[in-house]
C-alpha atoms as a PDB file:
ATOM      1  CA  MET A   1      12.833  -9.675  10.953  1.00  0.00           C
ATOM      2  CA  ASN A   2      11.745  -9.107   7.578  1.00  0.00           C
ATOM      3  CA  GLY A   3       8.894  -7.317   5.840  1.00  0.00           C
ATOM      4  CA  ARG A   4       7.050 -10.663   5.082  1.00  0.00           C
ATOM      5  CA  THR A   5       6.714 -11.206   8.825  1.00  0.00           C
ATOM      6  CA  CYS A   6       4.170  -8.083   9.043  1.00  0.00           C
ATOM      7  CA  PHE A   7       2.628  -8.438   5.458  1.00  0.00           C
ATOM      8  CA  GLU A   8       2.169 -12.035   5.422  1.00  0.00           C
ATOM      9  CA  ALA A   9       0.005 -12.055   1.947  1.00  0.00           C
ATOM     10  CA  ILE A  10       1.666  -9.656  -1.086  1.00  0.00           C
ATOM     11  CA  ARG A  11      -0.434  -8.872  -3.853  1.00  0.00           C
ATOM     12  CA  TYR A  12       0.697  -6.943  -7.161  1.00  0.00           C
ATOM     13  CA  ALA A  13      -1.313  -5.445  -9.646  1.00  0.00           C
ATOM     14  CA  ARG A  14      -0.265  -7.652 -12.963  1.00  0.00           C
ATOM     15  CA  ARG A  15      -0.138  -5.958 -16.158  1.00  0.00           C
ATOM     16  CA  PRO A  16       1.544  -7.199 -19.268  1.00  0.00           C
ATOM     17  CA  GLY A  17       5.351  -7.640 -19.399  1.00  0.00           C
ATOM     18  CA  ASP A  18       5.651  -7.091 -15.711  1.00  0.00           C
ATOM     19  CA  ASP A  19       8.646  -8.479 -13.538  1.00  0.00           C
ATOM     20  CA  MET A  20       7.107  -7.216 -10.254  1.00  0.00           C
ATOM     21  CA  GLN A  21       8.265 -10.591  -8.540  1.00  0.00           C
ATOM     22  CA  GLN A  22      11.476 -10.233  -9.084  1.00  0.00           C
ATOM     23  CA  ARG A  23      11.740  -6.763  -7.574  1.00  0.00           C
ATOM     24  CA  ILE A  24       9.391  -7.778  -4.671  1.00  0.00           C
ATOM     25  CA  ALA A  25      12.029 -10.564  -3.926  1.00  0.00           C
ATOM     26  CA  SER A  26      14.690  -8.352  -3.994  1.00  0.00           C
ATOM     27  CA  LEU A  27      12.899  -6.598  -0.869  1.00  0.00           C
ATOM     28  CA  GLY A  28      13.008  -9.591   0.798  1.00  0.00           C
ATOM     29  CA  LEU A  29       9.552 -10.033   0.872  1.00  0.00           C
ATOM     30  CA  GLY A  30       9.317 -13.633  -0.331  1.00  0.00           C
ATOM     31  CA  ASP A  31       7.162 -14.757  -3.084  1.00  0.00           C
ATOM     32  CA  ALA A  32       4.147 -12.149  -4.058  1.00  0.00           C
ATOM     33  CA  GLU A  33       0.800 -12.867  -6.378  1.00  0.00           C
ATOM     34  CA  PRO A  34      -0.498 -11.002  -8.717  1.00  0.00           C
ATOM     35  CA  VAL A  35      -4.025  -9.416  -9.160  1.00  0.00           C
ATOM     36  CA  THR A  36      -5.450  -8.493 -12.175  1.00  0.00           C
ATOM     37  CA  ALA A  37      -5.227  -4.695 -12.672  1.00  0.00           C
ATOM     38  CA  VAL A  38      -8.720  -3.643 -13.237  1.00  0.00           C
ATOM     39  CA  MET A  39      -8.263  -1.056 -15.843  1.00  0.00           C
ATOM     40  CA  THR A  40     -11.190   1.576 -15.960  1.00  0.00           C
ATOM     41  CA  PRO A  41      -9.994   4.179 -18.593  1.00  0.00           C
ATOM     42  CA  GLY A  42     -12.547   6.664 -17.875  1.00  0.00           C
ATOM     43  CA  ASP A  43     -11.729   6.941 -14.286  1.00  0.00           C
ATOM     44  CA  HIS A  44      -8.901   4.903 -12.695  1.00  0.00           C
ATOM     45  CA  ARG A  45     -10.192   5.637  -9.676  1.00  0.00           C
ATOM     46  CA  ILE A  46     -12.913   3.100  -9.685  1.00  0.00           C
ATOM     47  CA  GLY A  47     -10.085   0.430 -11.004  1.00  0.00           C
ATOM     48  CA  VAL A  48      -8.078   1.050  -8.018  1.00  0.00           C
ATOM     49  CA  LEU A  49     -10.788   0.579  -5.730  1.00  0.00           C
ATOM     50  CA  LEU A  50     -11.987  -2.833  -7.695  1.00  0.00           C
ATOM     51  CA  THR A  51      -8.344  -3.940  -7.393  1.00  0.00           C
ATOM     52  CA  HIS A  52      -7.557  -3.366  -3.944  1.00  0.00           C
ATOM     53  CA  ARG A  53     -10.773  -4.924  -3.449  1.00  0.00           C
ATOM     54  CA  ALA A  54      -9.918  -7.838  -5.168  1.00  0.00           C
ATOM     55  CA  ALA A  55      -6.357  -8.161  -3.124  1.00  0.00           C
ATOM     56  CA  VAL A  56      -7.942  -7.964   0.123  1.00  0.00           C
ATOM     57  CA  GLN A  57     -10.543 -10.199  -0.685  1.00  0.00           C
ATOM     58  CA  ALA A  58      -8.200 -13.168  -2.072  1.00  0.00           C
ATOM     59  CA  ALA A  59      -6.173 -12.507   1.378  1.00  0.00           C
ATOM     60  CA  ARG A  60      -9.039 -13.062   3.496  1.00  0.00           C
ATOM     61  CA  ASP A  61     -10.228 -16.213   1.733  1.00  0.00           C
ATOM     62  CA  GLN A  62      -6.686 -17.342   2.551  1.00  0.00           C
ATOM     63  CA  GLY A  63      -6.728 -16.564   5.879  1.00  0.00           C
ATOM     64  CA  ALA A  64      -3.789 -14.207   5.661  1.00  0.00           C
ATOM     65  CA  SER A  65      -3.447 -11.807   8.696  1.00  0.00           C
ATOM     66  CA  SER A  66      -2.175  -8.909   6.446  1.00  0.00           C
ATOM     67  CA  VAL A  67      -1.740  -8.031   3.097  1.00  0.00           C
ATOM     68  CA  LEU A  68       0.399  -5.548   1.209  1.00  0.00           C
ATOM     69  CA  VAL A  69      -0.893  -4.309  -2.173  1.00  0.00           C
ATOM     70  CA  LEU A  70       1.529  -2.784  -4.606  1.00  0.00           C
ATOM     71  CA  HIS A  71       0.443  -0.937  -8.078  1.00  0.00           C
ATOM     72  CA  GLN A  72       2.699  -2.056 -10.903  1.00  0.00           C
ATOM     73  CA  ASP A  73       4.073   1.579 -11.414  1.00  0.00           C
ATOM     74  CA  VAL A  74       5.545   1.371  -7.819  1.00  0.00           C
ATOM     75  CA  LEU A  75       9.632   2.302  -7.867  1.00  0.00           C
ATOM     76  CA  PHE A  76      11.583   1.052  -4.642  1.00  0.00           C
ATOM     77  CA  LEU A  77      14.285   3.236  -2.952  1.00  0.00           C
ATOM     78  CA  ASP A  78      17.546   1.721  -3.374  1.00  0.00           C
ATOM     79  CA  ARG A  79      17.735   1.062   0.822  1.00  0.00           C
ATOM     80  CA  ALA A  80      14.036  -0.203   0.811  1.00  0.00           C
ATOM     81  CA  ARG A  81      15.426  -3.608   2.149  1.00  0.00           C
ATOM     82  CA  GLU A  82      17.023  -2.224   5.123  1.00  0.00           C
ATOM     83  CA  VAL A  83      14.451   0.381   5.877  1.00  0.00           C
ATOM     84  CA  LEU A  84      11.731  -1.951   5.909  1.00  0.00           C
ATOM     85  CA  GLY A  85      13.192  -4.672   8.181  1.00  0.00           C
ATOM     86  CA  ALA A  86      13.455  -1.964  10.583  1.00  0.00           C
ATOM     87  CA  ALA A  87      10.136  -0.906  10.404  1.00  0.00           C
ATOM     88  CA  ALA A  88       8.653  -4.442  10.131  1.00  0.00           C
ATOM     89  CA  ALA A  89      10.349  -5.001  13.599  1.00  0.00           C
ATOM     90  CA  GLU A  90       8.275  -2.108  15.359  1.00  0.00           C
ATOM     91  CA  LEU A  91       5.259  -2.505  13.344  1.00  0.00           C
ATOM     92  CA  ALA A  92       5.286  -5.882  14.922  1.00  0.00           C
ATOM     93  CA  GLY A  93       4.835  -4.592  18.241  1.00  0.00           C
ATOM     94  CA  LEU A  94       1.780  -1.964  17.164  1.00  0.00           C
ATOM     95  CA  SER A  95      -2.027  -2.699  16.908  1.00  0.00           C
ATOM     96  CA  TRP A  96      -2.328  -1.297  13.531  1.00  0.00           C
ATOM     97  CA  THR A  97      -4.594  -1.118  10.375  1.00  0.00           C
ATOM     98  CA  LEU A  98      -2.882   0.426   7.609  1.00  0.00           C
ATOM     99  CA  CYS A  99       0.726   0.527   6.922  1.00  0.00           C
ATOM    100  CA  TYR A 100       1.534   2.947   3.599  1.00  0.00           C
ATOM    101  CA  LEU A 101       5.199   2.452   2.222  1.00  0.00           C
ATOM    102  CA  GLY A 102       5.088   5.811   0.555  1.00  0.00           C
ATOM    103  CA  GLY A 103       2.672   8.334  -0.493  1.00  0.00           C
ATOM    104  CA  TRP A 104       2.173  12.262  -0.342  1.00  0.00           C
ATOM    105  CA  TRP A 105       0.575  14.206   2.522  1.00  0.00           C
ATOM    106  CA  PRO A 106      -0.301  17.600   3.428  1.00  0.00           C
ATOM    107  CA  VAL A 107       1.317  17.969   6.656  1.00  0.00           C
ATOM    108  CA  VAL A 108       4.727  16.981   8.375  1.00  0.00           C
ATOM    109  CA  PRO A 109       3.483  13.569  10.123  1.00  0.00           C
ATOM    110  CA  GLU A 110       4.574  12.958  13.713  1.00  0.00           C
ATOM    111  CA  PRO A 111       6.137   9.423  14.992  1.00  0.00           C
ATOM    112  CA  PHE A 112       4.138   6.356  15.887  1.00  0.00           C
ATOM    113  CA  SER A 113       4.956   6.301  19.663  1.00  0.00           C
ATOM    114  CA  GLY A 114       8.113   4.773  20.394  1.00  0.00           C
ATOM    115  CA  CYS A 115       9.165   4.188  16.736  1.00  0.00           C
ATOM    116  CA  ARG A 116      12.149   5.351  14.879  1.00  0.00           C
ATOM    117  CA  HIS A 117      11.362   3.933  11.433  1.00  0.00           C
ATOM    118  CA  LEU A 118       7.364   4.751  11.585  1.00  0.00           C
ATOM    119  CA  ASP A 119       4.877   7.809  11.311  1.00  0.00           C
ATOM    120  CA  LEU A 120       1.467   8.158  12.037  1.00  0.00           C
ATOM    121  CA  ALA A 121      -0.048   8.167   8.588  1.00  0.00           C
ATOM    122  CA  ARG A 122      -2.746  11.488   8.263  1.00  0.00           C
ATOM    123  CA  ASN A 123      -4.367  11.829   4.764  1.00  0.00           C
ATOM    124  CA  VAL A 124      -1.853   9.791   2.507  1.00  0.00           C
ATOM    125  CA  GLY A 125      -2.865  10.790  -0.884  1.00  0.00           C
ATOM    126  CA  SER A 126      -1.863   7.847  -2.451  1.00  0.00           C
ATOM    127  CA  VAL A 127      -2.485   3.727  -2.501  1.00  0.00           C
ATOM    128  CA  HIS A 128       0.233   2.683  -4.430  1.00  0.00           C
ATOM    129  CA  ALA A 129       2.093   0.438  -1.903  1.00  0.00           C
ATOM    130  CA  VAL A 130      -0.466   0.142   1.290  1.00  0.00           C
ATOM    131  CA  ALA A 131      -0.880  -3.008   3.773  1.00  0.00           C
ATOM    132  CA  TYR A 132      -4.018  -3.650   5.372  1.00  0.00           C
ATOM    133  CA  HIS A 133      -4.244  -5.595   8.554  1.00  0.00           C
ATOM    134  CA  GLY A 134      -6.813  -8.382   8.758  1.00  0.00           C
ATOM    135  CA  ARG A 135      -8.710  -6.703  11.359  1.00  0.00           C
ATOM    136  CA  VAL A 136     -10.087  -4.012   8.685  1.00  0.00           C
ATOM    137  CA  PHE A 137     -10.401  -6.942   5.704  1.00  0.00           C
ATOM    138  CA  ASP A 138     -14.190  -7.484   6.918  1.00  0.00           C
ATOM    139  CA  ARG A 139     -14.927  -3.292   6.741  1.00  0.00           C
ATOM    140  CA  VAL A 140     -13.160  -2.764   3.657  1.00  0.00           C
ATOM    141  CA  LEU A 141     -15.021  -5.818   1.910  1.00  0.00           C
ATOM    142  CA  ALA A 142     -18.171  -4.566   3.389  1.00  0.00           C
ATOM    143  CA  ASP A 143     -17.624  -0.951   2.395  1.00  0.00           C
ATOM    144  CA  TRP A 144     -16.006  -1.335  -1.015  1.00  0.00           C
ATOM    145  CA  PRO A 145     -18.522  -2.562  -4.049  1.00  0.00           C
ATOM    146  CA  SER A 146     -17.010  -5.831  -5.601  1.00  0.00           C
ATOM    147  CA  ASP A 147     -18.469  -4.854  -9.137  1.00  0.00           C
ATOM    148  CA  HIS A 148     -18.012  -2.119 -11.896  1.00  0.00           C
ATOM    149  CA  ALA A 149     -21.443  -0.349 -11.659  1.00  0.00           C
ATOM    150  CA  GLY A 150     -21.521  -0.239  -7.419  1.00  0.00           C
ATOM    151  CA  ALA A 151     -17.525   1.020  -7.678  1.00  0.00           C
ATOM    152  CA  THR A 152     -18.764   3.670 -10.084  1.00  0.00           C
ATOM    153  CA  ASP A 153     -21.713   4.638  -8.157  1.00  0.00           C
ATOM    154  CA  TRP A 154     -19.069   4.332  -4.628  1.00  0.00           C
ATOM    155  CA  VAL A 155     -16.638   6.817  -6.186  1.00  0.00           C
ATOM    156  CA  ALA A 156     -19.235   9.199  -7.432  1.00  0.00           C
ATOM    157  CA  HIS A 157     -20.118   9.534  -3.954  1.00  0.00           C
ATOM    158  CA  PHE A 158     -17.079   8.951  -1.624  1.00  0.00           C
ATOM    159  CA  GLY A 159     -14.313   9.836  -4.417  1.00  0.00           C
ATOM    160  CA  ALA A 160     -10.746   8.057  -4.223  1.00  0.00           C
ATOM    161  CA  ILE A 161      -9.720   5.359  -1.867  1.00  0.00           C
ATOM    162  CA  ASP A 162      -7.158   7.121  -0.165  1.00  0.00           C
ATOM    163  CA  THR A 163     -10.326   9.762   1.150  1.00  0.00           C
ATOM    164  CA  TYR A 164     -12.347   6.681   2.741  1.00  0.00           C
ATOM    165  CA  LEU A 165      -8.777   5.297   4.363  1.00  0.00           C
ATOM    166  CA  ALA A 166      -7.905   8.557   5.979  1.00  0.00           C
ATOM    167  CA  GLY A 167     -10.416   7.644   8.222  1.00  0.00           C
ATOM    168  CA  PHE A 168      -8.834   4.458   9.828  1.00  0.00           C
ATOM    169  CA  GLU A 169      -7.088   5.111  13.221  1.00  0.00           C
ATOM    170  CA  THR A 170      -3.732   3.749  13.896  1.00  0.00           C
ATOM    171  CA  ALA A 171      -2.530   3.927  10.210  1.00  0.00           C
ATOM    172  CA  ALA A 172       1.466   4.153  10.038  1.00  0.00           C
ATOM    173  CA  ILE A 173       3.757   5.267   7.403  1.00  0.00           C
ATOM    174  CA  VAL A 174       7.485   3.872   6.993  1.00  0.00           C
ATOM    175  CA  ARG A 175       9.943   6.695   7.524  1.00  0.00           C
ATOM    176  CA  PRO A 176      11.785   7.390   5.092  1.00  0.00           C
ATOM    177  CA  VAL A 177       9.344   6.478   2.471  1.00  0.00           C
ATOM    178  CA  ILE A 178      10.628   3.503   0.440  1.00  0.00           C
ATOM    179  CA  THR A 179       8.030   3.442  -2.415  1.00  0.00           C
ATOM    180  CA  THR A 180       7.050   5.859  -4.794  1.00  0.00           C
ATOM    181  CA  VAL A 181       5.737   6.204  -8.326  1.00  0.00           C
ATOM    182  CA  PRO A 182       6.404   8.608 -11.364  1.00  0.00           C
ATOM    183  CA  ALA A 183       3.989  10.692 -10.700  1.00  0.00           C
ATOM    184  CA  LEU A 184       5.096  11.696  -7.013  1.00  0.00           C
ATOM    185  CA  LEU A 185       8.960  11.221  -8.174  1.00  0.00           C
ATOM    186  CA  PRO A 186       9.326  15.196  -8.388  1.00  0.00           C
ATOM    187  CA  PHE A 187       7.793  15.739  -5.058  1.00  0.00           C
ATOM    188  CA  GLU A 188       9.895  13.534  -2.995  1.00  0.00           C
ATOM    189  CA  ALA A 189      13.086  14.819  -1.005  1.00  0.00           C
ATOM    190  CA  ALA A 190      15.336  16.168  -3.917  1.00  0.00           C
ATOM    191  CA  ALA A 191      18.356  13.987  -2.351  1.00  0.00           C
ATOM    192  CA  ALA A 192      16.154  11.249  -2.361  1.00  0.00           C
ATOM    193  CA  GLN A 193      15.075  11.157  -5.764  1.00  0.00           C
ATOM    194  CA  GLN A 194      17.750   9.346  -7.638  1.00  0.00           C
ATOM    195  CA  HIS A 195      17.766   6.942  -5.173  1.00  0.00           C
ATOM    196  CA  PHE A 196      14.016   5.440  -6.235  1.00  0.00           C
ATOM    197  CA  THR A 197      14.300   2.627  -9.139  1.00  0.00           C
ATOM    198  CA  ALA A 198      12.010   0.450 -11.129  1.00  0.00           C
END
């Protein structure tokens, strides 16, 4: 089983000069579709909310059962394909809501019951590579505004979307994490840092 089996739709934040399609294909995930990254220089959290919402909306409109959303600056572990295949096989047997491929969290997570490649995700502080199951599409689309003004108000009241997503039960994170971003790379395990590449 490959990662695409669990992540039916793949969306990535597209920016000029992007080679993300090739990077995703190297993981065995198949074709991916771009979603325009919404740039909000004053507060990047607004752009992240709008970009993720657009990806979830597109997946729901196409009848996908899940969507993996990747940020343009994501770095992949050199053995990501192998780890993702094992994690996807476990994920297929679970009733999950979110699945993070990487991120930062304040406490050591406990394993998802019976899993070797998935942990319970608690308060993950990055959404650079997160999959949404179709069972949460309606909730996300109802809660997140689709316009800049609404998103600005939402972020002012609730903060970043990672705080909102922390409230989802049965969220998983892949073990070991297979993605990071440049800002988080110094916090990854020292032995793993050299194994993340663009």
